[in-house]
Amino acid sequence: MSDSQRFPVAAHALAYLAHKGAYDAAHAAPSAVLAASVPTNPVVIRRVTALLAKAGLIATRPGASGGSWLLKRPEDIGLDTVLKAVNGCAHLGSPPLGAKGCPVGEHIPRQVGKVLTLADKAASDALSRITIADLLAERSEALDGLEPHAACSEAIRAAGSVAA
């Protein structure tokens, strides 16, 4: 799974667990069920849930009767925390290596690195105002007035055709 997919898959999985009321082991959602909701492979879900468990957002139990459940209420899980849990960032790329001996090549990587830090901070600040509960809400002040990102249009069309 690409780095750019970990965050959306993690947010989806957490929202699914909240929607299903998975707050203890008795109500755990198996990785195959979470995978069917995304949709993705259960292995992808297990990789993401391992990161979420390491961050203390969920607990997991392996095996045929295993699954995942939330350790926090959805209104207490900020999306900035989810992004950090899956080692995510604003995904604007990496600074170029730059050519030794070139005054621009030696300078630009450091400067671009600073810009990437700024973008990550801006993304984290924006995501800190949105929770898993906001994702599940029919209307959320945190999301009012926002439109889906242009890159998401294909997924939104596909979801609309499934729902229809």
C-alpha atoms as a PDB file:
ATOM      1  CA  MET A   1       0.000   0.000   0.000  1.00  0.00           C
ATOM      2  CA  SER A   2       1.330   3.404  -0.868  1.00  0.00           C
ATOM      3  CA  ASP A   3       2.029   5.941   1.858  1.00  0.00           C
ATOM      4  CA  SER A   4      -0.681   8.155   0.404  1.00  0.00           C
ATOM      5  CA  GLN A   5      -3.357   5.507   1.060  1.00  0.00           C
ATOM      6  CA  ARG A   6      -2.596   4.749   4.717  1.00  0.00           C
ATOM      7  CA  PHE A   7      -4.370   7.827   6.070  1.00  0.00           C
ATOM      8  CA  PRO A   8      -7.632   7.453   4.097  1.00  0.00           C
ATOM      9  CA  VAL A   9      -7.768   3.725   4.902  1.00  0.00           C
ATOM     10  CA  ALA A  10      -7.092   4.406   8.589  1.00  0.00           C
ATOM     11  CA  ALA A  11      -9.773   7.114   8.797  1.00  0.00           C
ATOM     12  CA  HIS A  12     -12.245   4.816   7.034  1.00  0.00           C
ATOM     13  CA  ALA A  13     -11.468   1.900   9.358  1.00  0.00           C
ATOM     14  CA  LEU A  14     -11.871   4.047  12.478  1.00  0.00           C
ATOM     15  CA  ALA A  15     -15.147   5.485  11.207  1.00  0.00           C
ATOM     16  CA  TYR A  16     -16.410   1.973  10.436  1.00  0.00           C
ATOM     17  CA  LEU A  17     -15.525   0.756  13.940  1.00  0.00           C
ATOM     18  CA  ALA A  18     -17.351   3.741  15.464  1.00  0.00           C
ATOM     19  CA  HIS A  19     -20.370   3.220  13.208  1.00  0.00           C
ATOM     20  CA  LYS A  20     -20.594  -0.437  14.230  1.00  0.00           C
ATOM     21  CA  GLY A  21     -20.141   0.348  17.946  1.00  0.00           C
ATOM     22  CA  ALA A  22     -16.932  -1.675  18.188  1.00  0.00           C
ATOM     23  CA  TYR A  23     -15.779  -0.465  21.613  1.00  0.00           C
ATOM     24  CA  ASP A  24     -14.724  -3.800  23.117  1.00  0.00           C
ATOM     25  CA  ALA A  25     -13.437  -7.220  22.109  1.00  0.00           C
ATOM     26  CA  ALA A  26     -16.950  -8.670  22.053  1.00  0.00           C
ATOM     27  CA  HIS A  27     -17.849  -6.263  19.222  1.00  0.00           C
ATOM     28  CA  ALA A  28     -14.537  -6.400  17.341  1.00  0.00           C
ATOM     29  CA  ALA A  29     -14.660  -6.080  13.564  1.00  0.00           C
ATOM     30  CA  PRO A  30     -12.577  -8.642  11.657  1.00  0.00           C
ATOM     31  CA  SER A  31     -10.067  -7.351   9.121  1.00  0.00           C
ATOM     32  CA  ALA A  32     -12.027  -9.015   6.303  1.00  0.00           C
ATOM     33  CA  VAL A  33     -15.125  -7.003   7.248  1.00  0.00           C
ATOM     34  CA  LEU A  34     -13.153  -3.750   7.426  1.00  0.00           C
ATOM     35  CA  ALA A  35     -11.495  -4.601   4.114  1.00  0.00           C
ATOM     36  CA  ALA A  36     -14.865  -5.160   2.437  1.00  0.00           C
ATOM     37  CA  SER A  37     -16.005  -1.710   3.560  1.00  0.00           C
ATOM     38  CA  VAL A  38     -12.973   0.156   2.167  1.00  0.00           C
ATOM     39  CA  PRO A  39     -12.718  -1.986  -0.243  1.00  0.00           C
ATOM     40  CA  THR A  40      -9.192  -3.357  -0.021  1.00  0.00           C
ATOM     41  CA  ASN A  41      -7.329  -6.489   0.935  1.00  0.00           C
ATOM     42  CA  PRO A  42      -7.464  -7.663   4.588  1.00  0.00           C
ATOM     43  CA  VAL A  43      -3.652  -7.588   4.644  1.00  0.00           C
ATOM     44  CA  VAL A  44      -3.785  -3.843   3.973  1.00  0.00           C
ATOM     45  CA  ILE A  45      -6.238  -3.430   6.846  1.00  0.00           C
ATOM     46  CA  ARG A  46      -4.031  -5.456   9.196  1.00  0.00           C
ATOM     47  CA  ARG A  47      -1.032  -3.258   8.352  1.00  0.00           C
ATOM     48  CA  VAL A  48      -3.019  -0.103   9.065  1.00  0.00           C
ATOM     49  CA  THR A  49      -4.685  -1.457  12.217  1.00  0.00           C
ATOM     50  CA  ALA A  50      -1.249  -2.454  13.548  1.00  0.00           C
ATOM     51  CA  LEU A  51      -0.201   1.205  13.274  1.00  0.00           C
ATOM     52  CA  LEU A  52      -3.453   2.403  14.866  1.00  0.00           C
ATOM     53  CA  ALA A  53      -3.004  -0.075  17.724  1.00  0.00           C
ATOM     54  CA  LYS A  54       0.590   1.052  18.264  1.00  0.00           C
ATOM     55  CA  ALA A  55      -0.739   4.622  18.581  1.00  0.00           C
ATOM     56  CA  GLY A  56      -3.279   3.514  21.217  1.00  0.00           C
ATOM     57  CA  LEU A  57      -6.360   4.305  19.119  1.00  0.00           C
ATOM     58  CA  ILE A  58      -7.576   0.717  18.791  1.00  0.00           C
ATOM     59  CA  ALA A  59      -6.952  -2.731  20.184  1.00  0.00           C
ATOM     60  CA  THR A  60      -6.695  -5.856  18.077  1.00  0.00           C
ATOM     61  CA  ARG A  61      -7.019  -9.567  18.656  1.00  0.00           C
ATOM     62  CA  PRO A  62      -5.522 -12.005  16.124  1.00  0.00           C
ATOM     63  CA  GLY A  63      -7.060 -15.210  14.908  1.00  0.00           C
ATOM     64  CA  ALA A  64     -10.321 -16.493  13.514  1.00  0.00           C
ATOM     65  CA  SER A  65     -12.330 -14.772  16.243  1.00  0.00           C
ATOM     66  CA  GLY A  66     -10.130 -11.689  16.177  1.00  0.00           C
ATOM     67  CA  GLY A  67     -10.671  -8.175  15.031  1.00  0.00           C
ATOM     68  CA  SER A  68     -10.277  -4.531  15.995  1.00  0.00           C
ATOM     69  CA  TRP A  69     -12.138  -2.212  18.335  1.00  0.00           C
ATOM     70  CA  LEU A  70     -11.838   1.419  19.383  1.00  0.00           C
ATOM     71  CA  LEU A  71     -10.127   2.455  22.599  1.00  0.00           C
ATOM     72  CA  LYS A  72     -11.374   6.040  22.309  1.00  0.00           C
ATOM     73  CA  ARG A  73     -14.677   7.628  21.414  1.00  0.00           C
ATOM     74  CA  PRO A  74     -14.874   8.938  17.811  1.00  0.00           C
ATOM     75  CA  GLU A  75     -15.282  12.523  19.025  1.00  0.00           C
ATOM     76  CA  ASP A  76     -11.937  12.168  20.833  1.00  0.00           C
ATOM     77  CA  ILE A  77      -9.956  10.994  17.800  1.00  0.00           C
ATOM     78  CA  GLY A  78      -8.631  13.939  15.815  1.00  0.00           C
ATOM     79  CA  LEU A  79      -7.593  13.295  12.255  1.00  0.00           C
ATOM     80  CA  ASP A  80      -4.188  14.809  13.016  1.00  0.00           C
ATOM     81  CA  THR A  81      -3.669  11.951  15.470  1.00  0.00           C
ATOM     82  CA  VAL A  82      -4.721   9.460  12.787  1.00  0.00           C
ATOM     83  CA  LEU A  83      -2.267  10.985  10.311  1.00  0.00           C
ATOM     84  CA  LYS A  84       0.583  10.742  12.835  1.00  0.00           C
ATOM     85  CA  ALA A  85      -0.411   7.183  13.750  1.00  0.00           C
ATOM     86  CA  VAL A  86       0.072   5.983  10.181  1.00  0.00           C
ATOM     87  CA  ASN A  87       3.269   7.987   9.716  1.00  0.00           C
ATOM     88  CA  GLY A  88       1.537  10.213   7.216  1.00  0.00           C
ATOM     89  CA  CYS A  89       2.422  13.619   5.907  1.00  0.00           C
ATOM     90  CA  ALA A  90       1.084  16.138   3.416  1.00  0.00           C
ATOM     91  CA  HIS A  91       2.562  14.010   0.571  1.00  0.00           C
ATOM     92  CA  LEU A  92       4.020  16.786  -1.486  1.00  0.00           C
ATOM     93  CA  GLY A  93       7.002  14.642  -2.342  1.00  0.00           C
ATOM     94  CA  SER A  94      10.600  14.710  -1.179  1.00  0.00           C
ATOM     95  CA  PRO A  95      13.255  17.359  -1.702  1.00  0.00           C
ATOM     96  CA  PRO A  96      15.530  16.684  -4.680  1.00  0.00           C
ATOM     97  CA  LEU A  97      19.038  15.541  -3.805  1.00  0.00           C
ATOM     98  CA  GLY A  98      20.686  18.437  -5.608  1.00  0.00           C
ATOM     99  CA  ALA A  99      23.999  18.376  -7.428  1.00  0.00           C
ATOM    100  CA  LYS A 100      27.215  18.938  -5.490  1.00  0.00           C
ATOM    101  CA  GLY A 101      29.043  22.003  -6.649  1.00  0.00           C
ATOM    102  CA  CYS A 102      25.884  23.645  -7.989  1.00  0.00           C
ATOM    103  CA  PRO A 103      24.895  26.659  -5.877  1.00  0.00           C
ATOM    104  CA  VAL A 104      21.201  26.020  -6.560  1.00  0.00           C
ATOM    105  CA  GLY A 105      21.473  22.232  -6.214  1.00  0.00           C
ATOM    106  CA  GLU A 106      23.155  22.538  -2.823  1.00  0.00           C
ATOM    107  CA  HIS A 107      20.642  25.110  -1.558  1.00  0.00           C
ATOM    108  CA  ILE A 108      17.261  23.933  -2.843  1.00  0.00           C
ATOM    109  CA  PRO A 109      16.931  20.615  -0.948  1.00  0.00           C
ATOM    110  CA  ARG A 110      17.182  22.416   2.404  1.00  0.00           C
ATOM    111  CA  GLN A 111      14.699  25.087   1.359  1.00  0.00           C
ATOM    112  CA  VAL A 112      12.218  22.615  -0.123  1.00  0.00           C
ATOM    113  CA  GLY A 113      12.543  20.584   3.093  1.00  0.00           C
ATOM    114  CA  LYS A 114      11.449  23.669   5.043  1.00  0.00           C
ATOM    115  CA  VAL A 115       8.446  24.120   2.747  1.00  0.00           C
ATOM    116  CA  LEU A 116       7.456  20.477   3.271  1.00  0.00           C
ATOM    117  CA  THR A 117       7.650  21.005   7.033  1.00  0.00           C
ATOM    118  CA  LEU A 118       5.372  24.028   6.668  1.00  0.00           C
ATOM    119  CA  ALA A 119       2.875  22.016   4.584  1.00  0.00           C
ATOM    120  CA  ASP A 120       2.863  19.172   7.115  1.00  0.00           C
ATOM    121  CA  LYS A 121       2.195  21.623   9.945  1.00  0.00           C
ATOM    122  CA  ALA A 122      -0.652  23.250   8.005  1.00  0.00           C
ATOM    123  CA  ALA A 123      -2.177  19.830   7.263  1.00  0.00           C
ATOM    124  CA  SER A 124      -1.860  18.775  10.894  1.00  0.00           C
ATOM    125  CA  ASP A 125      -3.403  22.040  12.126  1.00  0.00           C
ATOM    126  CA  ALA A 126      -6.382  21.658   9.772  1.00  0.00           C
ATOM    127  CA  LEU A 127      -6.874  17.980  10.623  1.00  0.00           C
ATOM    128  CA  SER A 128      -6.725  18.676  14.371  1.00  0.00           C
ATOM    129  CA  ARG A 129     -10.108  20.416  14.058  1.00  0.00           C
ATOM    130  CA  ILE A 130     -11.798  17.340  12.543  1.00  0.00           C
ATOM    131  CA  THR A 131     -12.644  14.104  14.351  1.00  0.00           C
ATOM    132  CA  ILE A 132     -13.794  10.638  13.350  1.00  0.00           C
ATOM    133  CA  ALA A 133     -17.237  11.675  14.642  1.00  0.00           C
ATOM    134  CA  ASP A 134     -17.231  14.537  12.104  1.00  0.00           C
ATOM    135  CA  LEU A 135     -16.645  12.038   9.303  1.00  0.00           C
ATOM    136  CA  LEU A 136     -19.709  10.062  10.380  1.00  0.00           C
ATOM    137  CA  ALA A 137     -21.999  13.045  10.920  1.00  0.00           C
ATOM    138  CA  GLU A 138     -24.543  13.874   8.244  1.00  0.00           C
ATOM    139  CA  ARG A 139     -23.670  17.534   8.852  1.00  0.00           C
ATOM    140  CA  SER A 140     -20.521  18.661  10.606  1.00  0.00           C
ATOM    141  CA  GLU A 141     -19.450  22.230  11.290  1.00  0.00           C
ATOM    142  CA  ALA A 142     -15.846  21.107  10.798  1.00  0.00           C
ATOM    143  CA  LEU A 143     -16.630  20.000   7.231  1.00  0.00           C
ATOM    144  CA  ASP A 144     -19.394  22.438   6.223  1.00  0.00           C
ATOM    145  CA  GLY A 145     -18.589  24.411   3.112  1.00  0.00           C
ATOM    146  CA  LEU A 146     -15.837  22.061   1.968  1.00  0.00           C
ATOM    147  CA  GLU A 147     -15.903  20.151  -1.298  1.00  0.00           C
ATOM    148  CA  PRO A 148     -14.187  16.808  -1.913  1.00  0.00           C
ATOM    149  CA  HIS A 149     -10.648  17.093  -3.262  1.00  0.00           C
ATOM    150  CA  ALA A 150     -10.464  16.850  -7.055  1.00  0.00           C
ATOM    151  CA  ALA A 151      -8.326  13.708  -6.800  1.00  0.00           C
ATOM    152  CA  CYS A 152     -11.172  12.031  -4.921  1.00  0.00           C
ATOM    153  CA  SER A 153     -13.735  12.462  -7.699  1.00  0.00           C
ATOM    154  CA  GLU A 154     -13.242   8.953  -9.109  1.00  0.00           C
ATOM    155  CA  ALA A 155     -13.791   7.327  -5.699  1.00  0.00           C
ATOM    156  CA  ILE A 156     -16.831   9.517  -5.055  1.00  0.00           C
ATOM    157  CA  ARG A 157     -18.368   8.579  -8.422  1.00  0.00           C
ATOM    158  CA  ALA A 158     -17.693   4.891  -7.714  1.00  0.00           C
ATOM    159  CA  ALA A 159     -19.260   5.141  -4.267  1.00  0.00           C
ATOM    160  CA  GLY A 160     -22.292   6.900  -5.741  1.00  0.00           C
ATOM    161  CA  SER A 161     -22.780   4.158  -8.294  1.00  0.00           C
ATOM    162  CA  VAL A 162     -22.551   1.499  -5.573  1.00  0.00           C
ATOM    163  CA  ALA A 163     -25.083   3.337  -3.404  1.00  0.00           C
ATOM    164  CA  ALA A 164     -27.492   3.816  -6.297  1.00  0.00           C
END
